[in-house]
Amino acid sequence: MDHLTSLRDAEPRPFWLDDPRRPQATPALVGAASCDLLVVGGGYTGLWTALLAKERDPSADVVLIEADEAGGAASGRNGGFCESSLTHGLHNGLQRWPGEIDLLERLGRENLQAIEDAVERHGIDCDWERTGSIVVATEPYQLAGLAEEAEAAARYGAAPVLLDGESVRAEIDSPTFLGGLWNKDDVAMVNPAGLAWGLKKACLALGVRMYEHTPATSLDEHGAVIGVGTPYGRITARRVALATNAYPSLVRRHRPYTVPVYDYALMTEPLTAEQLASVGWTRRQGFADSANQFHYVRLSADNRILWGGYDAVYHYGGRVRAEHDRRPETFATLARHFFTTFPQLEGVRFTHSWGGAIDTSTRFCVFFDTSHHGKVSYAAGFTGLGVGASRFAAEVMLDLLAGERTERTDLEMVRRKPLPFPPEPVRSLGIGITKWSMARADLNEGHRNLWLRSLDRFGLGFDS
């Protein structure tokens, strides 16, 4: 079967959101409201912020507004890798905060465990599986990098298992796999929409007032309170947490620090027992390959394969638009790569194809800020690893709004922002050159050209 034929019946919508368990939206805000804390954004960051605020102080009056429906953007479209890393991997953290990396790794592991505990405590139905994940080598030069990564991880409390070609293919059988590094403890697989919907349910149960289909249109300060406008009303709040991520911040000076980059994924039909046996995969780990333009892959609860990544697409001007969610040329590329990796699955069809925006920062991970005399806090820039780090970000935003000095707020990662992206047209030109350079590096045994080495030197980046 031609790889394009496999896409013939693919629904152009996110698999996770195409679920009869999707909860009914709460009504939009009409009229005036006031509260102690207003959370703007109903993705993971906003939902965790609202939930943790009520757990810290059950008497607090917390309101959450969401422009669409909770979990409808990145939180319901991602691959469902919930990782302990707060720094987009150990290597990135070591490069940027070597003096804090021990603490950052510990806080990340504690955060992942806290997510697992919350899933159990609130009875969240999200197919949580603490399977770990494997980084696989598909080119010989990548094997040395995996060995170095294993050595570094062991120095900072992890216990990854280095796999040779035979061992990695015993876990997940692909003729393209030459080796792997299995992180057994610090990654869970999750149904991402299920997690968002479960957090929404938990928030409502604790008394959070939630208004969906209620975009925030303005933000201004009036003495001791912040006013936020909406299409049909207005909210005054003592404190505001902004959790809009890839969407433009209500605070204009925040906007140059993120760009929306589009990521794409396919989901197969459920595999038969024979098809699944041909791949092995009995321990159900997620995996990703080692290239700059990498794929991320995992099994769903009903044994479908999610196949995503590779292309990272930036649109001039950084606009987030629904029409960008569909990109047939990328879906065709992903399908071709799928059957190269798993030729034994010839004949499998894809049921869903989708895309969505990722909030990318120049340091690849979340950053923080406050404004309006400390009454407003902000977190964004997760660059694709927000499923886990969003809960940590919520804790930090609440600490900042409370004016508390904590182990979290003392971090250099929290106190300093990344370098901003340049304005257009320099932004698009720079991202284009970077993408081209990364693709060239993948074809040249990972060797980074002068452009990439210069970005590394200045702490700038663009990650696929």
Protein backbone atom coordinates (compact mmCIF):
# COMPACT_ATOMS: atom_id res chain seq x y z
CA MET A 1 0.00 0.00 0.00
CA ASP A 2 1.29 3.45 -0.90
CA HIS A 3 1.89 5.58 2.19
CA LEU A 4 -0.51 8.22 0.85
CA THR A 5 -3.32 5.66 0.69
CA SER A 6 -2.93 5.20 4.45
CA LEU A 7 -4.10 8.80 4.91
CA ARG A 8 -7.25 8.48 2.81
CA ASP A 9 -9.68 8.14 5.73
CA ALA A 10 -7.82 10.29 8.26
CA GLU A 11 -10.12 12.73 10.06
CA PRO A 12 -8.58 16.23 10.15
CA ARG A 13 -9.00 16.70 13.90
CA PRO A 14 -7.10 15.77 17.06
CA PHE A 15 -7.67 12.16 18.09
CA TRP A 16 -7.71 12.94 21.82
CA LEU A 17 -10.45 15.57 21.47
CA ASP A 18 -12.59 13.31 19.25
CA ASP A 19 -14.02 11.54 22.29
CA PRO A 20 -17.63 11.20 23.50
CA ARG A 21 -16.38 11.77 27.05
CA ARG A 22 -15.58 15.39 26.17
CA PRO A 23 -17.32 17.45 28.86
CA GLN A 24 -19.92 20.07 28.12
CA ALA A 25 -18.56 23.59 28.07
CA THR A 26 -19.45 25.90 30.91
CA PRO A 27 -21.41 29.05 29.96
CA ALA A 28 -19.63 32.22 28.89
CA LEU A 29 -19.33 35.10 31.30
CA VAL A 30 -22.09 37.69 30.91
CA GLY A 31 -21.95 40.83 33.04
CA ALA A 32 -19.55 41.83 35.80
CA ALA A 33 -17.69 39.56 38.19
CA SER A 34 -15.02 39.92 40.86
CA CYS A 35 -12.68 37.44 42.51
CA ASP A 36 -9.49 36.98 44.48
CA LEU A 37 -7.62 35.25 41.64
CA LEU A 38 -8.41 35.30 37.94
CA VAL A 39 -6.73 32.68 35.75
CA VAL A 40 -6.68 33.49 32.03
CA GLY A 41 -6.36 30.31 29.96
CA GLY A 42 -7.83 26.85 30.35
CA GLY A 43 -4.94 24.67 29.29
CA TYR A 44 -2.75 22.74 31.70
CA THR A 45 -1.02 25.82 33.10
CA GLY A 46 -4.26 27.61 33.87
CA LEU A 47 -6.06 24.52 35.17
CA TRP A 48 -3.20 23.60 37.50
CA THR A 49 -3.01 27.21 38.72
CA ALA A 50 -6.70 27.29 39.58
CA LEU A 51 -6.62 23.85 41.21
CA LEU A 52 -3.51 24.52 43.30
CA ALA A 53 -4.82 27.93 44.36
CA LYS A 54 -7.94 26.26 45.80
CA GLU A 55 -5.88 23.53 47.43
CA ARG A 56 -3.62 26.14 49.04
CA ASP A 57 -6.58 28.23 50.23
CA PRO A 58 -10.03 26.64 49.91
CA SER A 59 -11.65 29.98 50.85
CA ALA A 60 -10.09 31.81 47.89
CA ASP A 61 -12.53 32.92 45.21
CA VAL A 62 -10.94 31.67 41.97
CA VAL A 63 -12.27 32.34 38.47
CA LEU A 64 -10.88 30.79 35.27
CA ILE A 65 -11.75 32.05 31.79
CA GLU A 66 -10.96 30.26 28.54
CA ALA A 67 -11.38 31.61 25.01
CA ASP A 68 -12.45 28.21 23.62
CA GLU A 69 -12.92 25.12 25.80
CA ALA A 70 -10.61 23.75 28.49
CA GLY A 71 -7.91 21.58 26.92
CA GLY A 72 -8.93 22.53 23.40
CA ALA A 73 -5.52 23.85 22.29
CA ALA A 74 -2.07 22.36 22.98
CA SER A 75 -3.23 20.60 26.16
CA GLY A 76 -5.61 18.40 24.15
CA ARG A 77 -3.45 17.95 21.06
CA ASN A 78 -0.02 16.93 22.32
CA GLY A 79 1.58 13.50 22.31
CA GLY A 80 0.92 12.79 25.98
CA PHE A 81 4.53 12.53 27.20
CA CYS A 82 4.52 13.75 30.80
CA GLU A 83 8.19 14.21 31.69
CA SER A 84 9.92 15.19 34.88
CA SER A 85 12.34 17.57 33.15
CA LEU A 86 11.64 21.26 33.73
CA THR A 87 14.46 22.32 31.40
CA HIS A 88 13.64 20.55 28.13
CA GLY A 89 16.06 17.79 28.99
CA LEU A 90 19.18 17.49 31.08
CA HIS A 91 21.53 18.73 28.35
CA ASN A 92 19.66 22.02 27.94
CA GLY A 93 19.51 22.50 31.69
CA LEU A 94 23.23 21.84 32.12
CA GLN A 95 24.06 24.36 29.41
CA ARG A 96 21.98 27.11 30.98
CA TRP A 97 21.94 26.52 34.75
CA PRO A 98 24.82 24.19 35.68
CA GLY A 99 24.86 25.47 39.25
CA GLU A 100 21.18 24.69 39.77
CA ILE A 101 20.80 21.49 37.82
CA ASP A 102 20.76 19.20 40.87
CA LEU A 103 17.91 21.21 42.35
CA LEU A 104 16.06 21.49 39.04
CA GLU A 105 16.23 17.73 38.51
CA ARG A 106 14.96 17.07 42.05
CA LEU A 107 12.13 19.58 41.71
CA GLY A 108 11.19 18.02 38.38
CA ARG A 109 10.94 14.52 39.83
CA GLU A 110 8.92 15.81 42.79
CA ASN A 111 6.61 17.61 40.35
CA LEU A 112 6.03 14.46 38.27
CA GLN A 113 5.16 12.51 41.41
CA ALA A 114 2.80 15.30 42.49
CA ILE A 115 1.00 15.02 39.14
CA GLU A 116 0.63 11.27 39.62
CA ASP A 117 -0.66 11.83 43.15
CA ALA A 118 -3.20 14.40 41.92
CA VAL A 119 -4.43 12.03 39.20
CA GLU A 120 -5.11 9.44 41.89
CA ARG A 121 -6.48 11.89 44.49
CA HIS A 122 -8.98 13.47 42.12
CA GLY A 123 -9.83 10.26 40.26
CA ILE A 124 -8.75 11.67 36.89
CA ASP A 125 -9.44 9.26 34.03
CA CYS A 126 -6.46 9.87 31.73
CA ASP A 127 -4.83 6.45 31.08
CA TRP A 128 -1.82 7.34 33.24
CA GLU A 129 1.07 4.88 32.66
CA ARG A 130 4.52 5.35 34.23
CA THR A 131 6.25 3.53 31.38
CA GLY A 132 9.30 5.70 30.84
CA SER A 133 10.55 6.49 27.35
CA ILE A 134 13.39 5.54 25.03
CA VAL A 135 15.56 7.85 22.96
CA VAL A 136 16.59 5.76 19.95
CA ALA A 137 19.58 6.09 17.64
CA THR A 138 18.82 5.67 13.95
CA GLU A 139 22.28 6.72 12.70
CA PRO A 140 25.62 5.32 13.93
CA TYR A 141 26.95 8.73 15.01
CA GLN A 142 24.07 9.11 17.48
CA LEU A 143 25.22 6.17 19.62
CA ALA A 144 28.06 8.14 21.21
CA GLY A 145 25.61 10.89 22.15
CA LEU A 146 23.36 8.41 23.91
CA ALA A 147 26.31 7.05 25.91
CA GLU A 148 27.27 10.58 26.97
CA GLU A 149 23.69 11.34 27.93
CA ALA A 150 23.51 8.17 30.03
CA GLU A 151 26.67 9.13 31.89
CA ALA A 152 25.43 12.66 32.56
CA ALA A 153 21.99 11.47 33.71
CA ALA A 154 23.56 9.03 36.16
CA ARG A 155 25.51 11.91 37.76
CA TYR A 156 22.25 13.71 38.54
CA GLY A 157 20.17 10.99 40.10
CA ALA A 158 18.70 9.16 37.09
CA ALA A 159 19.24 5.51 36.25
CA PRO A 160 18.79 5.21 32.47
CA VAL A 161 19.48 1.93 30.72
CA LEU A 162 21.72 2.03 27.66
CA LEU A 163 20.49 -0.41 25.02
CA ASP A 164 22.44 -1.84 22.10
CA GLY A 165 20.74 -2.54 18.78
CA GLU A 166 19.53 -6.00 19.72
CA SER A 167 18.25 -4.84 23.11
CA VAL A 168 16.33 -1.84 21.80
CA ARG A 169 14.73 -3.93 19.05
CA ALA A 170 13.68 -6.43 21.71
CA GLU A 171 11.69 -3.58 23.29
CA ILE A 172 10.35 -1.98 20.08
CA ASP A 173 11.19 -3.74 16.85
CA SER A 174 12.28 -1.50 13.98
CA PRO A 175 15.03 -2.20 11.47
CA THR A 176 16.05 1.45 11.77
CA PHE A 177 16.93 1.24 15.51
CA LEU A 178 20.65 0.92 16.25
CA GLY A 179 20.58 1.60 19.99
CA GLY A 180 18.64 3.41 22.66
CA LEU A 181 18.59 5.04 26.07
CA TRP A 182 15.66 4.01 28.24
CA ASN A 183 14.61 6.40 30.98
CA LYS A 184 12.47 4.06 33.05
CA ASP A 185 11.31 6.32 35.88
CA ASP A 186 10.94 9.95 34.84
CA VAL A 187 8.32 9.82 32.06
CA ALA A 188 4.66 8.84 32.07
CA MET A 189 2.28 8.36 29.16
CA VAL A 190 -1.08 10.08 29.50
CA ASN A 191 -4.22 10.79 27.48
CA PRO A 192 -3.65 14.55 27.25
CA ALA A 193 -7.26 15.58 26.74
CA GLY A 194 -8.32 13.24 29.54
CA LEU A 195 -5.87 14.96 31.87
CA ALA A 196 -7.18 18.42 30.95
CA TRP A 197 -10.80 17.36 31.34
CA GLY A 198 -10.02 15.71 34.66
CA LEU A 199 -8.34 18.86 35.93
CA LYS A 200 -11.38 20.86 34.83
CA LYS A 201 -13.68 18.53 36.76
CA ALA A 202 -11.45 18.75 39.84
CA CYS A 203 -11.40 22.56 39.66
CA LEU A 204 -15.18 22.74 39.46
CA ALA A 205 -15.54 20.29 42.36
CA LEU A 206 -13.37 22.56 44.54
CA GLY A 207 -15.44 25.61 43.71
CA VAL A 208 -13.51 27.28 40.90
CA ARG A 209 -15.88 29.38 38.79
CA MET A 210 -15.15 28.63 35.15
CA TYR A 211 -16.32 30.49 32.06
CA GLU A 212 -15.50 28.96 28.68
CA HIS A 213 -15.92 30.69 25.31
CA THR A 214 -14.80 33.80 27.18
CA PRO A 215 -11.64 35.35 25.71
CA ALA A 216 -9.83 38.07 27.62
CA THR A 217 -9.74 41.22 25.51
CA SER A 218 -7.99 43.74 27.76
CA LEU A 219 -6.09 44.09 31.02
CA ASP A 220 -5.59 47.22 33.09
CA GLU A 221 -4.79 48.23 36.65
CA HIS A 222 -7.16 50.19 38.88
CA GLY A 223 -5.57 50.81 42.25
CA ALA A 224 -5.61 47.58 44.24
CA VAL A 225 -7.29 45.48 41.54
CA ILE A 226 -6.80 44.37 37.95
CA GLY A 227 -9.61 44.69 35.44
CA VAL A 228 -9.94 42.18 32.58
CA GLY A 229 -12.39 42.78 29.78
CA THR A 230 -14.31 40.01 27.99
CA PRO A 231 -16.75 40.20 25.05
CA TYR A 232 -19.85 40.23 27.27
CA GLY A 233 -18.50 41.36 30.63
CA ARG A 234 -15.67 42.39 32.85
CA ILE A 235 -13.83 40.84 35.79
CA THR A 236 -12.00 42.62 38.60
CA ALA A 237 -9.46 40.59 40.53
CA ARG A 238 -6.92 41.11 43.27
CA ARG A 239 -4.47 38.92 41.36
CA VAL A 240 -4.28 37.58 37.79
CA ALA A 241 -2.35 34.58 36.40
CA LEU A 242 -1.81 34.65 32.64
CA ALA A 243 -1.63 31.17 31.10
CA THR A 244 -2.19 31.86 27.40
CA ASN A 245 1.08 30.27 26.21
CA ALA A 246 1.18 30.28 22.37
CA TYR A 247 -1.47 32.98 22.15
CA PRO A 248 -0.51 36.68 22.43
CA SER A 249 -0.11 37.83 26.01
CA LEU A 250 -2.35 40.56 27.39
CA VAL A 251 0.90 42.21 28.51
CA ARG A 252 2.48 43.41 25.28
CA ARG A 253 6.06 43.37 26.54
CA HIS A 254 5.79 39.60 27.01
CA ARG A 255 5.03 38.95 23.36
CA PRO A 256 8.57 38.99 21.88
CA TYR A 257 9.62 36.15 24.19
CA THR A 258 7.58 33.42 22.47
CA VAL A 259 6.75 32.39 18.93
CA PRO A 260 4.07 29.86 17.93
CA VAL A 261 5.56 26.92 16.05
CA TYR A 262 3.24 24.36 14.50
CA ASP A 263 3.70 20.67 15.23
CA TYR A 264 1.84 17.79 13.53
CA ALA A 265 0.79 14.24 14.36
CA LEU A 266 -0.96 11.16 12.97
CA MET A 267 -2.86 8.44 14.81
CA THR A 268 -3.30 4.92 13.43
CA GLU A 269 -6.29 2.66 13.70
CA PRO A 270 -6.03 0.21 16.64
CA LEU A 271 -3.45 -2.48 15.94
CA THR A 272 -4.55 -6.09 15.86
CA ALA A 273 -2.90 -8.54 18.25
CA GLU A 274 -0.78 -9.84 15.35
CA GLN A 275 0.30 -6.36 14.27
CA LEU A 276 1.24 -5.40 17.81
CA ALA A 277 3.17 -8.64 18.25
CA SER A 278 5.17 -7.85 15.11
CA VAL A 279 6.45 -4.70 16.82
CA GLY A 280 6.82 -6.14 20.32
CA TRP A 281 6.40 -3.08 22.55
CA THR A 282 5.05 -5.05 25.50
CA ARG A 283 6.25 -2.43 28.02
CA ARG A 284 4.50 0.40 26.14
CA GLN A 285 7.27 2.99 26.48
CA GLY A 286 7.11 6.15 24.47
CA PHE A 287 10.06 6.81 22.20
CA ALA A 288 11.69 9.57 20.20
CA ASP A 289 14.62 9.49 17.81
CA SER A 290 17.85 11.41 18.25
CA ALA A 291 17.76 13.71 15.21
CA ASN A 292 17.31 17.48 15.37
CA GLN A 293 14.11 16.96 13.39
CA PHE A 294 12.82 14.16 15.57
CA HIS A 295 9.70 12.05 15.82
CA TYR A 296 7.85 11.28 19.06
CA VAL A 297 5.86 8.05 19.20
CA ARG A 298 3.69 6.19 21.70
CA LEU A 299 0.83 3.72 22.08
CA SER A 300 -2.66 4.79 23.11
CA ALA A 301 -4.77 2.84 25.58
CA ASP A 302 -6.48 1.01 22.69
CA ASN A 303 -3.15 0.21 20.98
CA ARG A 304 -3.09 2.85 18.30
CA ILE A 305 0.27 4.39 17.42
CA LEU A 306 0.63 8.14 17.65
CA TRP A 307 3.32 9.30 15.24
CA GLY A 308 4.24 12.98 15.50
CA GLY A 309 6.96 15.58 15.15
CA TYR A 310 9.68 16.09 12.52
CA ASP A 311 8.38 19.28 10.90
CA ALA A 312 8.25 22.45 13.00
CA VAL A 313 6.54 25.20 11.03
CA TYR A 314 6.64 28.91 11.79
CA HIS A 315 4.32 31.26 9.90
CA TYR A 316 5.38 34.81 9.17
CA GLY A 317 4.17 37.20 11.83
CA GLY A 318 3.58 34.47 14.40
CA ARG A 319 -0.13 34.22 13.86
CA VAL A 320 -2.11 31.39 15.48
CA ARG A 321 -4.82 30.37 13.03
CA ALA A 322 -7.07 27.33 12.67
CA GLU A 323 -6.08 26.84 9.03
CA HIS A 324 -2.48 26.17 10.12
CA ASP A 325 -3.65 23.00 11.91
CA ARG A 326 -3.83 21.13 8.59
CA ARG A 327 -0.72 20.59 6.47
CA PRO A 328 -1.06 17.73 3.95
CA GLU A 329 2.60 17.84 2.91
CA THR A 330 3.68 17.22 6.50
CA PHE A 331 1.11 14.44 6.98
CA ALA A 332 2.47 12.76 3.83
CA THR A 333 6.05 13.03 5.15
CA LEU A 334 5.04 11.59 8.52
CA ALA A 335 3.24 8.66 6.88
CA ARG A 336 6.28 7.85 4.74
CA HIS A 337 8.57 7.92 7.79
CA PHE A 338 6.13 5.71 9.73
CA PHE A 339 6.31 2.88 7.22
CA THR A 340 10.10 3.24 6.91
CA THR A 341 10.32 2.70 10.66
CA PHE A 342 7.71 -0.07 10.84
CA PRO A 343 7.62 -1.86 7.46
CA GLN A 344 5.94 -4.82 9.17
CA LEU A 345 2.84 -2.61 9.62
CA GLU A 346 2.21 -2.24 5.89
CA GLY A 347 -1.55 -1.83 5.39
CA VAL A 348 -2.23 0.04 8.64
CA ARG A 349 -4.33 3.16 8.10
CA PHE A 350 -4.39 6.49 9.90
CA THR A 351 -7.69 7.61 11.41
CA HIS A 352 -6.71 11.14 12.51
CA SER A 353 -4.30 13.86 11.38
CA TRP A 354 -3.87 17.18 13.14
CA GLY A 355 -1.59 20.02 14.12
CA GLY A 356 -1.36 22.77 16.67
CA ALA A 357 0.79 25.60 17.95
CA ILE A 358 3.59 25.18 20.49
CA ASP A 359 4.80 28.18 22.50
CA THR A 360 8.53 28.27 21.85
CA SER A 361 11.10 30.35 23.70
CA THR A 362 14.77 30.90 22.89
CA ARG A 363 15.83 28.79 25.84
CA PHE A 364 13.43 25.89 24.98
CA CYS A 365 11.65 25.88 28.35
CA VAL A 366 9.28 27.86 30.52
CA PHE A 367 10.05 31.37 31.75
CA PHE A 368 8.24 33.66 34.16
CA ASP A 369 7.47 37.31 34.72
CA THR A 370 5.31 39.64 36.79
CA SER A 371 3.72 42.98 35.97
CA HIS A 372 1.34 45.61 37.33
CA HIS A 373 3.19 45.93 40.66
CA GLY A 374 3.20 42.16 41.23
CA LYS A 375 -0.54 41.71 40.77
CA VAL A 376 -0.09 39.80 37.48
CA SER A 377 2.09 36.73 36.91
CA TYR A 378 2.92 35.02 33.65
CA ALA A 379 4.42 31.73 32.45
CA ALA A 380 5.03 30.59 28.86
CA GLY A 381 7.60 29.14 26.47
CA PHE A 382 7.38 25.44 27.35
CA THR A 383 8.52 24.41 23.81
CA GLY A 384 6.67 21.11 23.76
CA LEU A 385 7.45 19.81 27.26
CA GLY A 386 4.58 21.49 29.05
CA VAL A 387 2.53 18.46 30.09
CA GLY A 388 4.64 18.04 33.21
CA ALA A 389 6.29 21.44 33.58
CA SER A 390 2.94 23.28 33.51
CA ARG A 391 2.17 22.16 37.06
CA PHE A 392 5.53 23.48 38.26
CA ALA A 393 4.81 26.73 36.43
CA ALA A 394 1.51 27.03 38.26
CA GLU A 395 3.27 26.67 41.60
CA VAL A 396 5.76 29.38 40.63
CA MET A 397 3.06 31.80 39.46
CA LEU A 398 1.16 31.38 42.71
CA ASP A 399 4.37 31.92 44.72
CA LEU A 400 5.07 35.10 42.76
CA LEU A 401 1.55 36.43 43.22
CA ALA A 402 1.75 35.75 46.95
CA GLY A 403 5.05 37.63 47.14
CA GLU A 404 6.64 34.58 48.73
CA ARG A 405 10.31 33.73 48.52
CA THR A 406 10.51 30.00 47.95
CA GLU A 407 12.93 27.41 46.67
CA ARG A 408 11.22 27.83 43.33
CA THR A 409 11.26 31.62 43.11
CA ASP A 410 14.95 31.74 44.06
CA LEU A 411 15.87 29.81 40.92
CA GLU A 412 17.79 31.71 38.27
CA MET A 413 15.47 29.98 35.81
CA VAL A 414 12.58 31.87 37.43
CA ARG A 415 14.35 35.17 38.09
CA ARG A 416 15.71 35.70 34.57
CA LYS A 417 13.93 35.70 31.26
CA PRO A 418 15.36 34.34 27.99
CA LEU A 419 16.50 36.52 25.14
CA PRO A 420 13.54 37.73 23.07
CA PHE A 421 13.03 36.83 19.44
CA PRO A 422 13.88 39.63 16.99
CA PRO A 423 11.05 41.42 15.14
CA GLU A 424 9.97 40.53 11.62
CA PRO A 425 11.33 40.07 9.02
CA VAL A 426 14.52 39.15 10.88
CA ARG A 427 12.60 36.61 12.97
CA SER A 428 11.35 34.61 9.97
CA LEU A 429 14.72 34.79 8.25
CA GLY A 430 16.55 33.58 11.35
CA ILE A 431 14.11 30.73 11.99
CA GLY A 432 14.34 29.68 8.33
CA ILE A 433 18.14 29.59 8.39
CA THR A 434 18.07 27.68 11.66
CA LYS A 435 15.67 25.03 10.35
CA TRP A 436 17.78 24.60 7.22
CA SER A 437 20.93 24.28 9.33
CA MET A 438 19.35 21.68 11.60
CA ALA A 439 18.25 19.60 8.63
CA ARG A 440 21.78 19.82 7.21
CA ALA A 441 23.23 18.70 10.55
CA ASP A 442 21.00 15.62 10.50
CA LEU A 443 22.45 14.73 7.09
CA ASN A 444 26.02 15.45 8.20
CA GLU A 445 26.43 13.20 11.25
CA GLY A 446 25.14 15.89 13.58
CA HIS A 447 27.85 18.46 12.81
CA ARG A 448 26.56 21.92 13.61
CA ASN A 449 27.49 24.69 11.20
CA LEU A 450 28.71 28.16 12.11
CA TRP A 451 25.15 29.50 12.38
CA LEU A 452 24.07 26.86 14.90
CA ARG A 453 27.30 27.18 16.88
CA SER A 454 26.75 30.93 17.08
CA LEU A 455 23.20 30.46 18.35
CA ASP A 456 24.52 28.04 20.97
CA ARG A 457 27.08 30.59 22.08
CA PHE A 458 24.48 33.32 22.59
CA GLY A 459 21.90 31.07 24.23
CA LEU A 460 19.44 31.28 21.35
CA GLY A 461 17.71 28.38 19.71
CA PHE A 462 14.88 26.89 17.78
CA ASP A 463 13.89 23.33 18.54
CA SER A 464 11.93 20.87 16.42
